């Protein structure tokens, strides 16, 4: 004789087999992922940089060469710059914003991955109630009386629901969010590089101004000596009052120009304070006249630039995210399938509430398909495809911009080096001319106006030379930045999941 518990066990086994068959079928269907698989957009890369030929301040990097990595500013061998750059990542608020946005992107990845798993809930309730009942008499009349007593109801149950990712909507969403997170990581690197570049630029401009201030201090001292000489010659009746006034005017004008440099320096100092996250009121940099020359910068072939610039990497990752969104849009054409299950206990007495006969359960499946939406899904798919095309164009434009920036700064360094050599010769000639003119003035063969003219030319040549030196340092910084500043796409391999 078969016992009831054995019949129930058979039924349970059958149900488990049924669920296993359904789950297996769903897993097989889940292998289907709609939408195009991502292929990195093609871009045209030249074999070499045109402006790199004949450059004296860079070298073509070979596979075994030490390329720029990490703290690229250390190439300039300036301890004060190193100390300032170390504070950018820690205190710069724009970097803090980008870092928070990256963490938001990582959270979206985790949220999308939750779609792979079922949602499970637990319910519990306890109620006590009584209801009236109605009884009818033989005469057709009726009367209402109270129920015999109150009724208790105790319920505890668990429920689970799951939408299997048959058409790959969740997978495409995760793929899109992971690519977006990687783009956000590249944006963070790009903003960090931008802040570091801006700091180095401002620092070298400030050093160039300090060099000009040093030049003006020496020039004011020389002009003061010439004014004294002119006054002595005037007192001896050799020079005219006009000579004294001209020399004095030259001195006062130069002093005013020196004071004007202080305004520019203060503004650059304030800009540096902001970049390192400090108040301009409590930050200062001691005077540091520019004395550096551009370092030798390793330059790889153009194709490597695609792996070295974070802005290019971000644009490529956004293209990958847009491609995945096409699959998300196309998944809307297919039916949604959901599985639900509920189980628990319900009883009227607390003492025997959680016993086997009081069990309850249900299991089911549902499917829903949109048969008419007036072209909504078609429009959404077209929108996703257009967004992908736009992202591909943005990626290719970012590549072109990268090549342009590298070529611009290679050309700037090459031509500024030539200009510096020519300007140095001009400075030497101006100094010699000034010395000869002063000797002639002392001998009385030329007037003070001739001296003032030569002094003006000499000062302009000196200023130009200092300006070129500052431009060369700035161009070096910009070239390193254009080459990616030591960043590499290998940093994005795990950026999508935050590991």
Protein backbone atom coordinates (compact mmCIF):
# COMPACT_ATOMS: atom_id res chain seq x y z
CA UNK A 1 0.00 0.00 0.00
CA UNK A 2 1.45 3.40 -1.10
CA UNK A 3 1.59 5.96 1.66
CA UNK A 4 0.40 9.56 1.06
CA UNK A 5 3.83 10.98 1.78
CA UNK A 6 5.30 8.80 -0.97
CA UNK A 7 2.72 10.08 -3.50
CA UNK A 8 3.59 13.63 -2.51
CA UNK A 9 7.31 12.94 -2.93
CA UNK A 10 6.65 11.67 -6.45
CA UNK A 11 4.74 14.82 -7.27
CA UNK A 12 7.58 16.97 -5.92
CA UNK A 13 10.12 15.12 -8.07
CA UNK A 14 7.94 15.63 -11.14
CA UNK A 15 7.65 19.34 -10.42
CA UNK A 16 11.42 19.63 -10.00
CA UNK A 17 11.94 17.86 -13.32
CA UNK A 18 9.46 20.20 -14.98
CA UNK A 19 11.20 23.27 -13.59
CA UNK A 20 14.60 21.90 -14.66
CA UNK A 21 13.34 21.29 -18.21
CA UNK A 22 11.88 24.82 -18.42
CA UNK A 23 15.07 26.34 -16.99
CA UNK A 24 17.24 24.36 -19.42
CA UNK A 25 15.14 25.47 -22.36
CA UNK A 26 15.43 29.07 -21.23
CA UNK A 27 19.20 28.76 -20.86
CA UNK A 28 19.43 27.47 -24.43
CA UNK A 29 17.32 30.35 -25.67
CA UNK A 30 19.44 32.79 -23.70
CA UNK A 31 22.33 32.06 -26.05
CA UNK A 32 20.56 34.33 -28.53
CA UNK A 33 21.69 37.95 -28.19
CA UNK A 34 20.16 40.39 -30.64
CA UNK A 35 21.95 43.43 -32.00
CA UNK A 36 25.33 43.82 -33.74
CA UNK A 37 28.52 42.71 -32.01
CA UNK A 38 30.94 45.59 -31.54
CA UNK A 39 33.83 46.06 -33.92
CA UNK A 40 36.26 48.90 -33.22
CA UNK A 41 35.76 51.61 -35.88
CA UNK A 42 38.59 51.86 -38.38
CA UNK A 43 40.67 55.03 -38.58
CA UNK A 44 43.41 56.08 -40.96
CA UNK A 45 46.78 56.54 -39.28
CA UNK A 46 49.86 57.92 -41.04
CA UNK A 47 53.10 55.91 -40.86
CA UNK A 48 55.01 58.73 -39.14
CA UNK A 49 54.66 62.30 -37.90
CA UNK A 50 55.67 64.75 -40.59
CA UNK A 51 57.05 67.31 -38.12
CA UNK A 52 59.16 64.71 -36.28
CA UNK A 53 61.75 64.64 -39.02
CA UNK A 54 64.90 66.46 -38.02
CA UNK A 55 63.71 67.38 -34.55
CA UNK A 56 66.47 67.95 -32.00
CA UNK A 57 64.38 67.69 -28.85
CA UNK A 58 62.63 64.37 -29.39
CA UNK A 59 63.49 60.89 -30.47
CA UNK A 60 61.56 58.16 -32.24
CA UNK A 61 60.74 55.65 -29.52
CA UNK A 62 61.60 52.04 -30.25
CA UNK A 63 59.78 49.09 -28.64
CA UNK A 64 62.48 48.75 -25.96
CA UNK A 65 62.77 52.48 -25.24
CA UNK A 66 61.54 53.93 -21.96
CA UNK A 67 58.48 55.89 -23.01
CA UNK A 68 56.83 58.56 -20.91
CA UNK A 69 54.99 56.95 -18.01
CA UNK A 70 53.18 58.13 -14.91
CA UNK A 71 54.79 61.27 -13.49
CA UNK A 72 55.73 62.75 -16.87
CA UNK A 73 56.58 66.15 -15.36
CA UNK A 74 59.66 64.60 -13.78
CA UNK A 75 61.25 64.80 -17.24
CA UNK A 76 61.82 68.52 -16.51
CA UNK A 77 63.83 67.75 -13.36
CA UNK A 78 62.30 70.62 -11.38
CA UNK A 79 61.68 69.74 -7.69
CA UNK A 80 59.23 72.60 -7.18
CA UNK A 81 57.13 71.52 -10.18
CA UNK A 82 57.20 67.92 -8.90
CA UNK A 83 55.89 69.04 -5.50
CA UNK A 84 53.07 71.06 -7.08
CA UNK A 85 52.01 68.29 -9.49
CA UNK A 86 51.78 65.82 -6.60
CA UNK A 87 49.02 67.96 -5.09
CA UNK A 88 46.84 68.15 -8.21
CA UNK A 89 45.35 64.66 -8.00
CA UNK A 90 44.76 64.98 -4.26
CA UNK A 91 43.15 68.40 -4.06
CA UNK A 92 41.87 69.48 -7.48
CA UNK A 93 38.07 69.73 -7.31
CA UNK A 94 37.45 69.12 -11.03
CA UNK A 95 39.26 65.80 -10.64
CA UNK A 96 37.12 65.06 -7.57
CA UNK A 97 33.99 65.65 -9.67
CA UNK A 98 35.22 63.32 -12.41
CA UNK A 99 36.14 60.66 -9.85
CA UNK A 100 32.64 60.80 -8.38
CA UNK A 101 31.13 60.52 -11.85
CA UNK A 102 33.27 57.45 -12.47
CA UNK A 103 31.94 55.86 -9.30
CA UNK A 104 28.42 56.63 -10.51
CA UNK A 105 29.19 54.83 -13.76
CA UNK A 106 30.45 51.79 -11.84
CA UNK A 107 27.21 51.75 -9.82
CA UNK A 108 25.22 51.70 -13.07
CA UNK A 109 27.19 48.63 -14.16
CA UNK A 110 26.27 46.85 -10.94
CA UNK A 111 22.64 47.91 -11.32
CA UNK A 112 22.53 46.48 -14.85
CA UNK A 113 24.08 43.19 -13.71
CA UNK A 114 21.28 42.78 -11.18
CA UNK A 115 19.02 42.01 -14.14
CA UNK A 116 20.71 38.61 -14.49
CA UNK A 117 19.26 37.41 -11.19
CA UNK A 118 15.75 36.83 -9.79
CA UNK A 119 14.07 39.17 -7.34
CA UNK A 120 13.19 37.47 -4.06
CA UNK A 121 10.83 38.81 -1.41
CA UNK A 122 9.32 37.73 1.92
CA UNK A 123 5.83 38.55 3.21
CA UNK A 124 4.28 38.06 6.62
CA UNK A 125 0.96 39.06 8.17
CA UNK A 126 -1.26 38.35 11.17
CA UNK A 127 -4.95 39.41 11.23
CA UNK A 128 -8.00 38.86 13.44
CA UNK A 129 -11.45 39.59 12.02
CA UNK A 130 -15.15 38.82 12.33
CA UNK A 131 -17.91 39.20 9.73
CA UNK A 132 -21.73 39.16 9.99
CA UNK A 133 -23.89 36.56 8.27
CA UNK A 134 -27.47 36.72 6.92
CA UNK A 135 -30.27 34.05 7.34
CA UNK A 136 -33.71 34.08 5.71
CA UNK A 137 -37.14 33.08 7.23
CA UNK A 138 -40.14 31.18 5.71
CA UNK A 139 -42.13 34.37 5.25
CA UNK A 140 -39.51 35.81 2.95
CA UNK A 141 -38.29 38.30 5.48
CA UNK A 142 -34.65 38.33 6.57
CA UNK A 143 -32.70 39.31 9.65
CA UNK A 144 -29.02 39.83 10.44
CA UNK A 145 -27.23 38.38 13.45
CA UNK A 146 -23.63 38.32 14.65
CA UNK A 147 -21.18 35.60 13.65
CA UNK A 148 -20.31 32.98 16.16
CA UNK A 149 -16.86 34.45 16.78
CA UNK A 150 -13.70 36.12 15.45
CA UNK A 151 -11.30 34.46 13.00
CA UNK A 152 -7.49 34.56 13.10
CA UNK A 153 -5.31 34.39 10.00
CA UNK A 154 -1.53 33.99 10.06
CA UNK A 155 0.49 34.11 6.82
CA UNK A 156 4.16 33.88 5.95
CA UNK A 157 5.36 33.43 2.38
CA UNK A 158 8.26 33.96 0.09
CA UNK A 159 8.09 34.92 -3.56
CA UNK A 160 10.53 35.06 -6.44
CA UNK A 161 10.27 36.49 -9.92
CA UNK A 162 12.71 36.31 -12.78
CA UNK A 163 12.82 37.57 -16.34
CA UNK A 164 15.36 35.36 -18.14
CA UNK A 165 17.58 37.32 -20.51
CA UNK A 166 16.56 35.31 -23.56
CA UNK A 167 17.15 38.00 -26.15
CA UNK A 168 20.22 39.54 -24.54
CA UNK A 169 18.68 42.83 -23.43
CA UNK A 170 20.37 42.63 -20.03
CA UNK A 171 23.67 41.52 -21.56
CA UNK A 172 23.63 44.44 -23.98
CA UNK A 173 22.73 46.83 -21.18
CA UNK A 174 25.62 45.54 -19.07
CA UNK A 175 27.90 45.79 -22.10
CA UNK A 176 26.83 49.39 -22.69
CA UNK A 177 27.26 50.37 -19.05
CA UNK A 178 30.67 48.72 -18.80
CA UNK A 179 31.85 50.61 -21.89
CA UNK A 180 30.39 53.83 -20.45
CA UNK A 181 32.23 53.20 -17.18
CA UNK A 182 35.46 52.73 -19.10
CA UNK A 183 34.76 55.96 -20.96
CA UNK A 184 34.21 57.65 -17.60
CA UNK A 185 37.54 56.27 -16.37
CA UNK A 186 39.21 57.67 -19.49
CA UNK A 187 37.46 61.01 -18.90
CA UNK A 188 38.86 61.02 -15.37
CA UNK A 189 42.35 60.41 -16.77
CA UNK A 190 41.80 63.13 -19.37
CA UNK A 191 40.70 65.69 -16.76
CA UNK A 192 43.62 64.72 -14.55
CA UNK A 193 46.03 65.16 -17.47
CA UNK A 194 44.42 68.48 -18.38
CA UNK A 195 44.88 69.80 -14.84
CA UNK A 196 48.47 68.57 -14.70
CA UNK A 197 49.18 70.15 -18.09
CA UNK A 198 47.60 73.46 -17.09
CA UNK A 199 49.67 73.51 -13.91
CA UNK A 200 52.93 72.88 -15.79
CA UNK A 201 52.04 75.56 -18.36
CA UNK A 202 51.21 78.12 -15.67
CA UNK A 203 54.34 77.22 -13.72
CA UNK A 204 56.69 77.70 -16.67
CA UNK A 205 54.94 80.93 -17.66
CA UNK A 206 55.41 82.14 -14.11
CA UNK A 207 59.09 81.18 -14.27
CA UNK A 208 59.40 83.06 -17.56
CA UNK A 209 57.89 86.13 -15.90
CA UNK A 210 60.37 85.78 -13.06
CA UNK A 211 63.14 85.68 -15.65
CA UNK A 212 61.73 88.86 -17.19
CA UNK A 213 61.53 90.48 -13.76
CA UNK A 214 65.18 89.61 -13.23
CA UNK A 215 65.97 91.09 -16.65
CA UNK A 216 64.04 94.27 -15.84
CA UNK A 217 65.77 94.59 -12.48
CA UNK A 218 69.17 94.47 -14.19
CA UNK A 219 67.95 96.84 -16.91
CA UNK A 220 66.57 99.37 -14.40
CA UNK A 221 69.91 99.28 -12.60
CA UNK A 222 71.75 99.89 -15.90
CA UNK A 223 69.36 102.69 -16.85
CA UNK A 224 69.87 104.29 -13.44
CA UNK A 225 73.62 104.29 -13.99
CA UNK A 226 73.14 105.86 -17.42
CA UNK A 227 70.88 108.53 -15.90
CA UNK A 228 73.53 109.29 -13.30
CA UNK A 229 76.13 109.51 -16.06
CA UNK A 230 73.91 111.88 -18.02
CA UNK A 231 73.31 114.07 -14.98
CA UNK A 232 77.05 114.27 -14.31
CA UNK A 233 77.71 115.23 -17.91
CA UNK A 234 74.94 117.83 -17.70
CA UNK A 235 76.45 119.23 -14.51
CA UNK A 236 79.79 119.46 -16.33
CA UNK A 237 78.16 121.26 -19.23
CA UNK A 238 78.80 118.40 -21.65
CA UNK A 239 75.22 117.19 -22.08
CA UNK A 240 71.95 119.03 -22.42
CA UNK A 241 68.92 119.01 -20.14
CA UNK A 242 67.11 117.10 -22.89
CA UNK A 243 69.56 114.21 -22.50
CA UNK A 244 68.76 114.01 -18.78
CA UNK A 245 65.02 114.08 -19.38
CA UNK A 246 65.23 111.38 -22.05
CA UNK A 247 67.28 109.11 -19.81
CA UNK A 248 64.91 109.71 -16.91
CA UNK A 249 61.89 108.94 -19.10
CA UNK A 250 63.52 105.71 -20.27
CA UNK A 251 64.14 104.68 -16.65
CA UNK A 252 60.61 105.46 -15.41
CA UNK A 253 59.01 103.66 -18.37
CA UNK A 254 61.04 100.55 -17.71
CA UNK A 255 60.16 100.65 -14.01
CA UNK A 256 56.47 100.79 -14.93
CA UNK A 257 56.87 97.79 -17.23
CA UNK A 258 58.53 95.85 -14.42
CA UNK A 259 55.60 96.61 -12.11
CA UNK A 260 53.12 95.42 -14.76
CA UNK A 261 54.83 92.00 -14.77
CA UNK A 262 53.80 91.65 -11.12
CA UNK A 263 50.12 91.68 -12.10
CA UNK A 264 50.59 88.81 -14.55
CA UNK A 265 52.65 86.86 -12.04
CA UNK A 266 50.03 87.23 -9.31
CA UNK A 267 47.32 85.95 -11.65
CA UNK A 268 49.39 82.90 -12.62
CA UNK A 269 50.12 82.20 -8.96
CA UNK A 270 46.39 82.34 -8.20
CA UNK A 271 45.66 79.98 -11.10
CA UNK A 272 48.18 77.47 -9.75
CA UNK A 273 46.59 77.71 -6.31
CA UNK A 274 43.21 76.81 -7.78
CA UNK A 275 44.64 73.84 -9.68
CA UNK A 276 46.05 72.33 -6.49
CA UNK A 277 42.87 73.07 -4.54
CA UNK A 278 44.22 75.83 -2.29
CA UNK A 279 43.00 79.30 -1.52
CA UNK A 280 44.90 81.98 -3.42
CA UNK A 281 45.05 83.99 -0.20
CA UNK A 282 47.35 81.49 1.51
CA UNK A 283 49.43 80.29 -1.41
CA UNK A 284 52.61 81.72 -2.89
CA UNK A 285 55.56 80.55 -4.98
CA UNK A 286 59.02 82.04 -4.49
CA UNK A 287 60.56 83.74 -7.48
CA UNK A 288 62.08 81.11 -9.76
CA UNK A 289 63.60 82.56 -12.95
CA UNK A 290 63.37 80.14 -15.86
CA UNK A 291 66.65 78.33 -16.37
CA UNK A 292 65.53 75.03 -17.92
CA UNK A 293 65.63 73.85 -21.50
CA UNK A 294 63.10 71.44 -23.05
CA UNK A 295 63.90 67.78 -22.30
CA UNK A 296 64.26 65.07 -24.91
CA UNK A 297 60.78 63.66 -25.54
CA UNK A 298 60.26 60.14 -26.95
CA UNK A 299 57.76 60.16 -29.83
CA UNK A 300 56.19 56.89 -30.99
CA UNK A 301 54.56 56.18 -34.35
CA UNK A 302 51.09 57.73 -34.83
CA UNK A 303 49.21 54.44 -34.44
CA UNK A 304 50.39 54.24 -30.82
CA UNK A 305 48.58 57.51 -30.12
CA UNK A 306 45.26 55.63 -30.25
CA UNK A 307 46.34 53.68 -27.16
CA UNK A 308 47.95 56.61 -25.31
CA UNK A 309 45.41 59.43 -25.29
CA UNK A 310 42.56 59.13 -22.77
CA UNK A 311 40.22 61.39 -24.77
CA UNK A 312 40.56 59.12 -27.81
CA UNK A 313 40.01 56.05 -25.62
CA UNK A 314 36.90 57.66 -24.10
CA UNK A 315 35.46 58.38 -27.55
CA UNK A 316 36.08 54.79 -28.64
CA UNK A 317 34.43 53.39 -25.51
CA UNK A 318 31.39 55.62 -26.06
CA UNK A 319 31.12 54.13 -29.55
CA UNK A 320 31.12 50.65 -27.97
CA UNK A 321 28.39 51.71 -25.55
CA UNK A 322 26.28 53.15 -28.38
CA UNK A 323 26.68 49.92 -30.34
CA UNK A 324 25.36 47.90 -27.38
CA UNK A 325 22.35 50.21 -27.11
CA UNK A 326 21.29 49.06 -30.59
CA UNK A 327 20.90 45.55 -29.18
CA UNK A 328 18.87 46.91 -26.26
CA UNK A 329 16.54 48.65 -28.69
CA UNK A 330 16.17 45.58 -30.93
CA UNK A 331 15.36 43.35 -27.94
CA UNK A 332 12.10 45.26 -27.58
CA UNK A 333 10.79 43.47 -30.71
CA UNK A 334 10.75 40.14 -28.86
CA UNK A 335 8.35 38.93 -26.13
CA UNK A 336 9.09 39.38 -22.45
CA UNK A 337 9.02 36.10 -20.51
CA UNK A 338 8.80 36.01 -16.73
CA UNK A 339 8.77 33.21 -14.17
CA UNK A 340 7.17 33.54 -10.74
CA UNK A 341 7.03 31.30 -7.68
CA UNK A 342 5.41 31.66 -4.26
CA UNK A 343 5.51 29.41 -1.22
CA UNK A 344 4.68 29.64 2.47
CA UNK A 345 2.29 28.75 5.28
CA UNK A 346 -1.15 30.05 6.24
CA UNK A 347 -3.24 29.08 9.27
CA UNK A 348 -5.86 30.25 11.75
CA UNK A 349 -4.07 29.19 14.93
CA UNK A 350 -0.65 30.29 16.02
CA UNK A 351 0.07 26.93 17.66
CA UNK A 352 -0.22 24.91 14.46
CA UNK A 353 0.46 27.63 11.91
CA UNK A 354 3.75 26.32 10.54
CA UNK A 355 2.71 22.72 9.85
CA UNK A 356 2.93 20.89 6.54
CA UNK A 357 -0.86 20.72 5.79
CA UNK A 358 -0.98 24.56 6.01
CA UNK A 359 1.51 24.99 3.21
CA UNK A 360 0.71 27.04 0.12
CA UNK A 361 2.60 27.42 -3.15
CA UNK A 362 2.25 28.52 -6.73
CA UNK A 363 4.50 28.56 -9.76
CA UNK A 364 3.88 30.09 -13.14
CA UNK A 365 5.20 31.61 -16.30
CA UNK A 366 3.97 34.52 -18.38
CA UNK A 367 4.81 35.99 -21.75
CA UNK A 368 3.92 39.40 -23.16
CA UNK A 369 4.43 40.74 -26.66
CA UNK A 370 3.60 44.14 -28.11
CA UNK A 371 1.70 43.71 -31.36
CA UNK A 372 1.22 47.39 -32.23
CA UNK A 373 3.14 50.47 -31.08
CA UNK A 374 2.71 52.87 -34.02
CA UNK A 375 6.39 52.56 -34.97
CA UNK A 376 7.80 53.30 -31.50
CA UNK A 377 10.30 50.42 -31.43
CA UNK A 378 11.36 51.10 -35.00
CA UNK A 379 12.03 54.75 -34.14
CA UNK A 380 13.98 53.81 -31.00
CA UNK A 381 16.15 51.39 -32.99
CA UNK A 382 16.79 54.03 -35.65
CA UNK A 383 17.69 56.49 -32.91
CA UNK A 384 20.18 54.01 -31.41
CA UNK A 385 21.80 53.40 -34.79
CA UNK A 386 22.09 57.14 -35.46
CA UNK A 387 23.64 57.64 -32.01
CA UNK A 388 26.20 54.96 -32.84
CA UNK A 389 27.06 56.62 -36.16
CA UNK A 390 27.52 59.93 -34.33
CA UNK A 391 29.79 58.33 -31.73
CA UNK A 392 31.94 56.75 -34.46
CA UNK A 393 32.30 60.15 -36.14
CA UNK A 394 33.25 61.69 -32.76
CA UNK A 395 35.86 58.99 -32.26
CA UNK A 396 37.42 59.59 -35.66
CA UNK A 397 37.39 63.34 -35.04
CA UNK A 398 39.15 62.81 -31.71
CA UNK A 399 41.85 60.82 -33.51
CA UNK A 400 42.34 63.60 -36.09
CA UNK A 401 42.50 66.19 -33.33
CA UNK A 402 45.13 64.12 -31.53
CA UNK A 403 47.30 63.91 -34.64
CA UNK A 404 46.95 67.64 -35.21
CA UNK A 405 47.97 68.52 -31.65
CA UNK A 406 51.07 66.34 -31.84
CA UNK A 407 52.09 67.80 -35.20
CA UNK A 408 51.41 71.36 -33.95
CA UNK A 409 53.69 71.00 -30.95
CA UNK A 410 56.40 69.09 -32.81
CA UNK A 411 56.48 71.96 -35.30
CA UNK A 412 56.43 74.52 -32.49
CA UNK A 413 59.39 72.92 -30.74
CA UNK A 414 61.41 72.58 -33.92
CA UNK A 415 60.81 76.15 -35.08
CA UNK A 416 61.13 77.68 -31.62
CA UNK A 417 64.50 76.01 -31.24
CA UNK A 418 65.65 77.61 -34.48
CA UNK A 419 64.16 80.95 -33.42
CA UNK A 420 65.91 80.74 -30.04
CA UNK A 421 69.27 80.22 -31.71
CA UNK A 422 68.74 83.23 -33.97
CA UNK A 423 67.43 85.35 -31.09
CA UNK A 424 70.44 84.51 -28.94
CA UNK A 425 72.66 85.89 -31.68
CA UNK A 426 70.51 89.03 -31.80
CA UNK A 427 70.88 89.46 -28.02
CA UNK A 428 74.67 89.14 -28.25
CA UNK A 429 74.81 91.75 -31.01
CA UNK A 430 72.50 94.11 -29.10
CA UNK A 431 74.65 93.89 -25.98
CA UNK A 432 77.80 94.61 -27.97
CA UNK A 433 76.10 97.49 -29.76
CA UNK A 434 74.96 98.97 -26.47
CA UNK A 435 78.44 98.80 -24.95
CA UNK A 436 80.01 100.42 -28.03
CA UNK A 437 77.35 103.15 -28.03
CA UNK A 438 77.89 103.96 -24.35
CA UNK A 439 81.65 104.31 -24.99
CA UNK A 440 80.90 106.63 -27.90
CA UNK A 441 78.51 108.65 -25.73
CA UNK A 442 81.19 109.02 -23.07
CA UNK A 443 83.57 110.20 -25.79
CA UNK A 444 80.97 112.72 -26.89
CA UNK A 445 80.58 111.39 -30.43
CA UNK A 446 76.86 110.50 -30.17
CA UNK A 447 73.90 111.88 -28.25
CA UNK A 448 71.89 110.33 -25.43
CA UNK A 449 69.05 109.67 -27.88
CA UNK A 450 71.26 107.17 -29.71
CA UNK A 451 71.92 105.36 -26.43
CA UNK A 452 68.24 105.24 -25.54
CA UNK A 453 67.41 103.79 -28.94
CA UNK A 454 70.04 101.09 -28.60
CA UNK A 455 68.90 100.38 -25.02
CA UNK A 456 65.32 99.90 -26.19
CA UNK A 457 66.42 97.49 -28.92
CA UNK A 458 68.56 95.52 -26.48
CA UNK A 459 65.77 95.24 -23.91
CA UNK A 460 63.28 94.11 -26.55
CA UNK A 461 65.72 91.46 -27.79
CA UNK A 462 66.30 90.21 -24.23
CA UNK A 463 62.55 90.08 -23.57
CA UNK A 464 61.95 88.21 -26.80
CA UNK A 465 64.63 85.67 -25.90
CA UNK A 466 63.03 85.04 -22.50
CA UNK A 467 59.61 84.77 -24.12
CA UNK A 468 60.87 82.18 -26.60
CA UNK A 469 62.38 80.15 -23.75
CA UNK A 470 59.00 80.13 -22.01
CA UNK A 471 57.21 79.16 -25.23
CA UNK A 472 59.59 76.24 -25.72
CA UNK A 473 58.85 74.91 -22.25
CA UNK A 474 55.11 75.32 -22.82
CA UNK A 475 55.35 73.55 -26.18
CA UNK A 476 57.20 70.68 -24.48
CA UNK A 477 54.41 70.35 -21.92
CA UNK A 478 51.76 70.43 -24.64
CA UNK A 479 53.60 67.83 -26.72
CA UNK A 480 53.78 65.45 -23.76
CA UNK A 481 50.07 66.06 -23.12
CA UNK A 482 49.23 65.51 -26.79
CA UNK A 483 51.09 62.18 -26.61
CA UNK A 484 48.93 61.11 -23.67
CA UNK A 485 51.13 62.11 -20.75
CA UNK A 486 52.20 58.56 -19.96
CA UNK A 487 48.64 57.17 -19.86
CA UNK A 488 47.81 53.87 -21.59
CA UNK A 489 44.59 52.03 -22.47
CA UNK A 490 45.75 49.06 -20.40
CA UNK A 491 44.40 51.04 -17.45
CA UNK A 492 40.87 50.52 -18.84
CA UNK A 493 40.95 46.71 -18.87
CA UNK A 494 39.24 46.47 -15.51
CA UNK A 495 37.76 49.95 -15.32
CA UNK A 496 34.32 48.73 -16.38
CA UNK A 497 33.83 46.61 -13.26
CA UNK A 498 35.94 48.66 -10.85
CA UNK A 499 38.46 45.90 -10.13
